[in-house]
Amino acid sequence: MTQPMTPDEEYAFYERPENQVPQGAARRRLTATVPVRFPAELLEQVRAAAAADDRSVSSWIRRAVEHELRHPA
C-alpha cells in the first residue's frame, strides 16, 4: 500500500505532463445549475467543512444533499 501524498507532492506529481492523462471512464456530467443562497454565517461553515474534506463547496453541498436523500428525516 502506498502512503498518501502531501499537497506539495501532489502538485509536483500532477505538474508533469505524463501524469495529466485521464485514467478510467469519464465521470458523469452535471445537467442543471440550481442557484442557492445561504446566510453569510452558514456559508462560512459550509466553506470550512468543504475545506476540511478537501472538496469544493459545490461538491460538498451535492454530497450533503445526496446524504439527506438517502437518509430522510
PDB file of N, CA and C in Angstrom:
ATOM      1  N   MET A   1       0.848  -1.182   0.000  1.00  0.00           N
ATOM      2  CA  MET A   1       0.000   0.000   0.000  1.00  0.00           C
ATOM      3  C   MET A   1       0.890   1.239   0.000  1.00  0.00           C
ATOM      4  N   THR A   2       0.510   2.236  -0.755  1.00  0.00           N
ATOM      5  CA  THR A   2       1.306   3.461  -0.812  1.00  0.00           C
ATOM      6  C   THR A   2       0.801   4.472   0.205  1.00  0.00           C
ATOM      7  N   GLN A   3       1.672   5.358   0.594  1.00  0.00           N
ATOM      8  CA  GLN A   3       1.329   6.410   1.543  1.00  0.00           C
ATOM      9  C   GLN A   3       0.649   7.566   0.802  1.00  0.00           C
ATOM     10  N   PRO A   4      -0.302   8.264   1.440  1.00  0.00           N
ATOM     11  CA  PRO A   4      -0.914   9.435   0.807  1.00  0.00           C
ATOM     12  C   PRO A   4       0.144  10.510   0.558  1.00  0.00           C
ATOM     13  N   MET A   5      -0.031  11.237  -0.528  1.00  0.00           N
ATOM     14  CA  MET A   5       0.892  12.321  -0.854  1.00  0.00           C
ATOM     15  C   MET A   5       0.501  13.582  -0.104  1.00  0.00           C
ATOM     16  N   THR A   6       1.502  14.385   0.199  1.00  0.00           N
ATOM     17  CA  THR A   6       1.230  15.703   0.765  1.00  0.00           C
ATOM     18  C   THR A   6       0.739  16.594  -0.372  1.00  0.00           C
ATOM     19  N   PRO A   7       0.114  17.734  -0.062  1.00  0.00           N
ATOM     20  CA  PRO A   7      -0.297  18.639  -1.136  1.00  0.00           C
ATOM     21  C   PRO A   7       0.872  19.058  -2.041  1.00  0.00           C
ATOM     22  N   ASP A   8       2.047  19.276  -1.471  1.00  0.00           N
ATOM     23  CA  ASP A   8       3.214  19.650  -2.284  1.00  0.00           C
ATOM     24  C   ASP A   8       3.636  18.508  -3.202  1.00  0.00           C
ATOM     25  N   GLU A   9       3.587  17.274  -2.699  1.00  0.00           N
ATOM     26  CA  GLU A   9       3.923  16.111  -3.536  1.00  0.00           C
ATOM     27  C   GLU A   9       2.903  15.927  -4.653  1.00  0.00           C
ATOM     28  N   GLU A  10       1.615  16.137  -4.330  1.00  0.00           N
ATOM     29  CA  GLU A  10       0.571  16.041  -5.353  1.00  0.00           C
ATOM     30  C   GLU A  10       0.810  17.079  -6.447  1.00  0.00           C
ATOM     31  N   TYR A  11       1.120  18.301  -6.056  1.00  0.00           N
ATOM     32  CA  TYR A  11       1.364  19.366  -7.023  1.00  0.00           C
ATOM     33  C   TYR A  11       2.514  18.986  -7.945  1.00  0.00           C
ATOM     34  N   ALA A  12       3.607  18.519  -7.366  1.00  0.00           N
ATOM     35  CA  ALA A  12       4.771  18.136  -8.172  1.00  0.00           C
ATOM     36  C   ALA A  12       4.440  16.963  -9.096  1.00  0.00           C
ATOM     37  N   PHE A  13       3.671  16.002  -8.608  1.00  0.00           N
ATOM     38  CA  PHE A  13       3.304  14.831  -9.406  1.00  0.00           C
ATOM     39  C   PHE A  13       2.453  15.239 -10.601  1.00  0.00           C
ATOM     40  N   TYR A  14       1.392  16.004 -10.356  1.00  0.00           N
ATOM     41  CA  TYR A  14       0.467  16.362 -11.433  1.00  0.00           C
ATOM     42  C   TYR A  14       0.971  17.500 -12.311  1.00  0.00           C
ATOM     43  N   GLU A  15       2.065  18.124 -11.905  1.00  0.00           N
ATOM     44  CA  GLU A  15       2.673  19.159 -12.738  1.00  0.00           C
ATOM     45  C   GLU A  15       3.308  18.539 -13.989  1.00  0.00           C
ATOM     46  N   ARG A  16       3.730  17.271 -13.902  1.00  0.00           N
ATOM     47  CA  ARG A  16       4.368  16.591 -15.022  1.00  0.00           C
ATOM     48  C   ARG A  16       3.313  16.163 -16.045  1.00  0.00           C
ATOM     49  N   PRO A  17       3.513  16.465 -17.330  1.00  0.00           N
ATOM     50  CA  PRO A  17       2.517  16.152 -18.371  1.00  0.00           C
ATOM     51  C   PRO A  17       2.123  14.678 -18.423  1.00  0.00           C
ATOM     52  N   GLU A  18       3.040  13.764 -18.171  1.00  0.00           N
ATOM     53  CA  GLU A  18       2.699  12.337 -18.243  1.00  0.00           C
ATOM     54  C   GLU A  18       1.702  11.921 -17.152  1.00  0.00           C
ATOM     55  N   ASN A  19       1.558  12.744 -16.125  1.00  0.00           N
ATOM     56  CA  ASN A  19       0.603  12.435 -15.058  1.00  0.00           C
ATOM     57  C   ASN A  19      -0.713  13.210 -15.210  1.00  0.00           C
ATOM     58  N   GLN A  20      -0.897  13.847 -16.373  1.00  0.00           N
ATOM     59  CA  GLN A  20      -2.114  14.608 -16.620  1.00  0.00           C
ATOM     60  C   GLN A  20      -3.048  13.901 -17.597  1.00  0.00           C
ATOM     61  N   VAL A  21      -2.761  12.657 -17.922  1.00  0.00           N
ATOM     62  CA  VAL A  21      -3.591  11.875 -18.839  1.00  0.00           C
ATOM     63  C   VAL A  21      -4.757  11.285 -18.047  1.00  0.00           C
ATOM     64  N   PRO A  22      -6.001  11.487 -18.518  1.00  0.00           N
ATOM     65  CA  PRO A  22      -7.141  10.931 -17.784  1.00  0.00           C
ATOM     66  C   PRO A  22      -7.045   9.417 -17.644  1.00  0.00           C
ATOM     67  N   GLN A  23      -7.484   8.912 -16.510  1.00  0.00           N
ATOM     68  CA  GLN A  23      -7.471   7.482 -16.235  1.00  0.00           C
ATOM     69  C   GLN A  23      -8.904   7.000 -16.056  1.00  0.00           C
ATOM     70  N   GLY A  24      -9.258   5.884 -16.665  1.00  0.00           N
ATOM     71  CA  GLY A  24     -10.573   5.291 -16.457  1.00  0.00           C
ATOM     72  C   GLY A  24     -11.680   5.975 -17.230  1.00  0.00           C
ATOM     73  N   ALA A  25     -12.895   5.554 -16.925  1.00  0.00           N
ATOM     74  CA  ALA A  25     -14.078   6.078 -17.606  1.00  0.00           C
ATOM     75  C   ALA A  25     -14.358   7.512 -17.180  1.00  0.00           C
ATOM     76  N   ALA A  26     -15.031   8.245 -18.069  1.00  0.00           N
ATOM     77  CA  ALA A  26     -15.397   9.624 -17.767  1.00  0.00           C
ATOM     78  C   ALA A  26     -16.434   9.654 -16.657  1.00  0.00           C
ATOM     79  N   ARG A  27     -16.408  10.703 -15.892  1.00  0.00           N
ATOM     80  CA  ARG A  27     -17.390  10.868 -14.819  1.00  0.00           C
ATOM     81  C   ARG A  27     -18.644  11.515 -15.381  1.00  0.00           C
ATOM     82  N   ARG A  28     -19.732  11.362 -14.646  1.00  0.00           N
ATOM     83  CA  ARG A  28     -20.990  11.932 -15.107  1.00  0.00           C
ATOM     84  C   ARG A  28     -20.912  13.451 -15.171  1.00  0.00           C
ATOM     85  N   ARG A  29     -21.628  13.989 -16.119  1.00  0.00           N
ATOM     86  CA  ARG A  29     -21.709  15.442 -16.251  1.00  0.00           C
ATOM     87  C   ARG A  29     -22.943  15.933 -15.503  1.00  0.00           C
ATOM     88  N   LEU A  30     -22.822  17.084 -14.913  1.00  0.00           N
ATOM     89  CA  LEU A  30     -23.971  17.674 -14.237  1.00  0.00           C
ATOM     90  C   LEU A  30     -24.857  18.310 -15.290  1.00  0.00           C
ATOM     91  N   THR A  31     -26.153  18.243 -15.075  1.00  0.00           N
ATOM     92  CA  THR A  31     -27.078  18.686 -16.112  1.00  0.00           C
ATOM     93  C   THR A  31     -27.791  19.989 -15.806  1.00  0.00           C
ATOM     94  N   ALA A  32     -27.789  20.443 -14.576  1.00  0.00           N
ATOM     95  CA  ALA A  32     -28.523  21.662 -14.249  1.00  0.00           C
ATOM     96  C   ALA A  32     -27.795  22.449 -13.167  1.00  0.00           C
ATOM     97  N   THR A  33     -28.005  23.744 -13.199  1.00  0.00           N
ATOM     98  CA  THR A  33     -27.483  24.621 -12.167  1.00  0.00           C
ATOM     99  C   THR A  33     -28.654  25.093 -11.333  1.00  0.00           C
ATOM    100  N   VAL A  34     -28.502  25.026 -10.014  1.00  0.00           N
ATOM    101  CA  VAL A  34     -29.558  25.466  -9.110  1.00  0.00           C
ATOM    102  C   VAL A  34     -28.970  26.551  -8.216  1.00  0.00           C
ATOM    103  N   PRO A  35     -29.408  27.791  -8.400  1.00  0.00           N
ATOM    104  CA  PRO A  35     -28.890  28.855  -7.530  1.00  0.00           C
ATOM    105  C   PRO A  35     -29.455  28.702  -6.113  1.00  0.00           C
ATOM    106  N   VAL A  36     -28.583  28.715  -5.143  1.00  0.00           N
ATOM    107  CA  VAL A  36     -28.977  28.579  -3.742  1.00  0.00           C
ATOM    108  C   VAL A  36     -28.278  29.688  -2.965  1.00  0.00           C
ATOM    109  N   ARG A  37     -29.008  30.322  -2.084  1.00  0.00           N
ATOM    110  CA  ARG A  37     -28.423  31.389  -1.266  1.00  0.00           C
ATOM    111  C   ARG A  37     -28.390  30.949   0.193  1.00  0.00           C
ATOM    112  N   PHE A  38     -27.298  31.312   0.876  1.00  0.00           N
ATOM    113  CA  PHE A  38     -27.121  30.979   2.278  1.00  0.00           C
ATOM    114  C   PHE A  38     -26.828  32.250   3.059  1.00  0.00           C
ATOM    115  N   PRO A  39     -27.235  32.307   4.322  1.00  0.00           N
ATOM    116  CA  PRO A  39     -26.781  33.409   5.173  1.00  0.00           C
ATOM    117  C   PRO A  39     -25.249  33.346   5.281  1.00  0.00           C
ATOM    118  N   ALA A  40     -24.631  34.486   5.456  1.00  0.00           N
ATOM    119  CA  ALA A  40     -23.165  34.563   5.472  1.00  0.00           C
ATOM    120  C   ALA A  40     -22.541  33.604   6.489  1.00  0.00           C
ATOM    121  N   GLU A  41     -23.147  33.505   7.672  1.00  0.00           N
ATOM    122  CA  GLU A  41     -22.578  32.641   8.721  1.00  0.00           C
ATOM    123  C   GLU A  41     -22.621  31.174   8.308  1.00  0.00           C
ATOM    124  N   LEU A  42     -23.743  30.771   7.706  1.00  0.00           N
ATOM    125  CA  LEU A  42     -23.882  29.385   7.269  1.00  0.00           C
ATOM    126  C   LEU A  42     -22.914  29.082   6.125  1.00  0.00           C
ATOM    127  N   LEU A  43     -22.769  30.022   5.204  1.00  0.00           N
ATOM    128  CA  LEU A  43     -21.843  29.822   4.088  1.00  0.00           C
ATOM    129  C   LEU A  43     -20.410  29.651   4.590  1.00  0.00           C
ATOM    130  N   GLU A  44     -20.032  30.388   5.599  1.00  0.00           N
ATOM    131  CA  GLU A  44     -18.685  30.230   6.168  1.00  0.00           C
ATOM    132  C   GLU A  44     -18.515  28.839   6.773  1.00  0.00           C
ATOM    133  N   GLN A  45     -19.552  28.328   7.418  1.00  0.00           N
ATOM    134  CA  GLN A  45     -19.486  26.977   7.975  1.00  0.00           C
ATOM    135  C   GLN A  45     -19.366  25.940   6.858  1.00  0.00           C
ATOM    136  N   VAL A  46     -20.123  26.136   5.770  1.00  0.00           N
ATOM    137  CA  VAL A  46     -20.050  25.221   4.632  1.00  0.00           C
ATOM    138  C   VAL A  46     -18.660  25.265   4.017  1.00  0.00           C
ATOM    139  N   ARG A  47     -18.119  26.456   3.834  1.00  0.00           N
ATOM    140  CA  ARG A  47     -16.765  26.588   3.268  1.00  0.00           C
ATOM    141  C   ARG A  47     -15.733  25.891   4.138  1.00  0.00           C
ATOM    142  N   ALA A  48     -15.853  26.046   5.447  1.00  0.00           N
ATOM    143  CA  ALA A  48     -14.897  25.404   6.361  1.00  0.00           C
ATOM    144  C   ALA A  48     -15.027  23.884   6.301  1.00  0.00           C
ATOM    145  N   ALA A  49     -16.262  23.389   6.259  1.00  0.00           N
ATOM    146  CA  ALA A  49     -16.472  21.939   6.188  1.00  0.00           C
ATOM    147  C   ALA A  49     -15.947  21.386   4.872  1.00  0.00           C
ATOM    148  N   ALA A  50     -16.179  22.103   3.781  1.00  0.00           N
ATOM    149  CA  ALA A  50     -15.682  21.664   2.472  1.00  0.00           C
ATOM    150  C   ALA A  50     -14.157  21.640   2.460  1.00  0.00           C
ATOM    151  N   ALA A  51     -13.550  22.662   3.002  1.00  0.00           N
ATOM    152  CA  ALA A  51     -12.086  22.711   3.053  1.00  0.00           C
ATOM    153  C   ALA A  51     -11.536  21.576   3.914  1.00  0.00           C
ATOM    154  N   ALA A  52     -12.202  21.278   5.014  1.00  0.00           N
ATOM    155  CA  ALA A  52     -11.748  20.188   5.887  1.00  0.00           C
ATOM    156  C   ALA A  52     -11.828  18.842   5.179  1.00  0.00           C
ATOM    157  N   ASP A  53     -12.785  18.708   4.256  1.00  0.00           N
ATOM    158  CA  ASP A  53     -12.931  17.470   3.475  1.00  0.00           C
ATOM    159  C   ASP A  53     -12.139  17.518   2.173  1.00  0.00           C
ATOM    160  N   ASP A  54     -11.393  18.602   1.941  1.00  0.00           N
ATOM    161  CA  ASP A  54     -10.628  18.802   0.705  1.00  0.00           C
ATOM    162  C   ASP A  54     -11.541  18.672  -0.514  1.00  0.00           C
ATOM    163  N   ARG A  55     -12.702  19.333  -0.459  1.00  0.00           N
ATOM    164  CA  ARG A  55     -13.682  19.336  -1.540  1.00  0.00           C
ATOM    165  C   ARG A  55     -14.020  20.771  -1.902  1.00  0.00           C
ATOM    166  N   SER A  56     -14.583  20.944  -3.083  1.00  0.00           N
ATOM    167  CA  SER A  56     -15.129  22.247  -3.421  1.00  0.00           C
ATOM    168  C   SER A  56     -16.434  22.427  -2.648  1.00  0.00           C
ATOM    169  N   VAL A  57     -16.877  23.665  -2.527  1.00  0.00           N
ATOM    170  CA  VAL A  57     -18.147  23.929  -1.855  1.00  0.00           C
ATOM    171  C   VAL A  57     -19.273  23.224  -2.602  1.00  0.00           C
ATOM    172  N   SER A  58     -19.279  23.292  -3.938  1.00  0.00           N
ATOM    173  CA  SER A  58     -20.328  22.644  -4.723  1.00  0.00           C
ATOM    174  C   SER A  58     -20.342  21.140  -4.494  1.00  0.00           C
ATOM    175  N   SER A  59     -19.181  20.523  -4.511  1.00  0.00           N
ATOM    176  CA  SER A  59     -19.090  19.084  -4.291  1.00  0.00           C
ATOM    177  C   SER A  59     -19.569  18.722  -2.889  1.00  0.00           C
ATOM    178  N   TRP A  60     -19.214  19.521  -1.905  1.00  0.00           N
ATOM    179  CA  TRP A  60     -19.622  19.259  -0.532  1.00  0.00           C
ATOM    180  C   TRP A  60     -21.140  19.353  -0.398  1.00  0.00           C
ATOM    181  N   ILE A  61     -21.734  20.379  -1.013  1.00  0.00           N
ATOM    182  CA  ILE A  61     -23.188  20.547  -0.950  1.00  0.00           C
ATOM    183  C   ILE A  61     -23.890  19.400  -1.671  1.00  0.00           C
ATOM    184  N   ARG A  62     -23.403  18.985  -2.847  1.00  0.00           N
ATOM    185  CA  ARG A  62     -24.007  17.853  -3.560  1.00  0.00           C
ATOM    186  C   ARG A  62     -23.978  16.601  -2.688  1.00  0.00           C
ATOM    187  N   ARG A  63     -22.834  16.349  -2.043  1.00  0.00           N
ATOM    188  CA  ARG A  63     -22.725  15.175  -1.176  1.00  0.00           C
ATOM    189  C   ARG A  63     -23.701  15.271  -0.011  1.00  0.00           C
ATOM    190  N   ALA A  64     -23.852  16.450   0.585  1.00  0.00           N
ATOM    191  CA  ALA A  64     -24.785  16.633   1.698  1.00  0.00           C
ATOM    192  C   ALA A  64     -26.223  16.384   1.248  1.00  0.00           C
ATOM    193  N   VAL A  65     -26.585  16.867   0.077  1.00  0.00           N
ATOM    194  CA  VAL A  65     -27.938  16.649  -0.447  1.00  0.00           C
ATOM    195  C   VAL A  65     -28.159  15.161  -0.713  1.00  0.00           C
ATOM    196  N   GLU A  66     -27.193  14.501  -1.352  1.00  0.00           N
ATOM    197  CA  GLU A  66     -27.328  13.061  -1.618  1.00  0.00           C
ATOM    198  C   GLU A  66     -27.482  12.278  -0.315  1.00  0.00           C
ATOM    199  N   HIS A  67     -26.735  12.662   0.706  1.00  0.00           N
ATOM    200  CA  HIS A  67     -26.832  12.003   2.006  1.00  0.00           C
ATOM    201  C   HIS A  67     -28.233  12.175   2.588  1.00  0.00           C
ATOM    202  N   GLU A  68     -28.763  13.379   2.533  1.00  0.00           N
ATOM    203  CA  GLU A  68     -30.100  13.628   3.076  1.00  0.00           C
ATOM    204  C   GLU A  68     -31.164  12.862   2.306  1.00  0.00           C
ATOM    205  N   LEU A  69     -31.006  12.710   1.015  1.00  0.00           N
ATOM    206  CA  LEU A  69     -31.986  11.961   0.226  1.00  0.00           C
ATOM    207  C   LEU A  69     -31.933  10.473   0.553  1.00  0.00           C
ATOM    208  N   ARG A  70     -30.756   9.960   0.905  1.00  0.00           N
ATOM    209  CA  ARG A  70     -30.630   8.557   1.301  1.00  0.00           C
ATOM    210  C   ARG A  70     -31.137   8.304   2.713  1.00  0.00           C
ATOM    211  N   HIS A  71     -31.097   9.336   3.555  1.00  0.00           N
ATOM    212  CA  HIS A  71     -31.474   9.213   4.965  1.00  0.00           C
ATOM    213  C   HIS A  71     -32.505  10.285   5.314  1.00  0.00           C
ATOM    214  N   PRO A  72     -33.720  10.175   4.804  1.00  0.00           N
ATOM    215  CA  PRO A  72     -34.717  11.215   5.085  1.00  0.00           C
ATOM    216  C   PRO A  72     -35.067  11.276   6.573  1.00  0.00           C
ATOM    217  N   ALA A  73     -35.435  12.455   7.009  1.00  0.00           N
ATOM    218  CA  ALA A  73     -35.770  12.679   8.426  1.00  0.00           C
ATOM    219  C   ALA A  73     -37.042  11.964   8.827  1.00  0.00           C
TER     220      ALA A  73
END
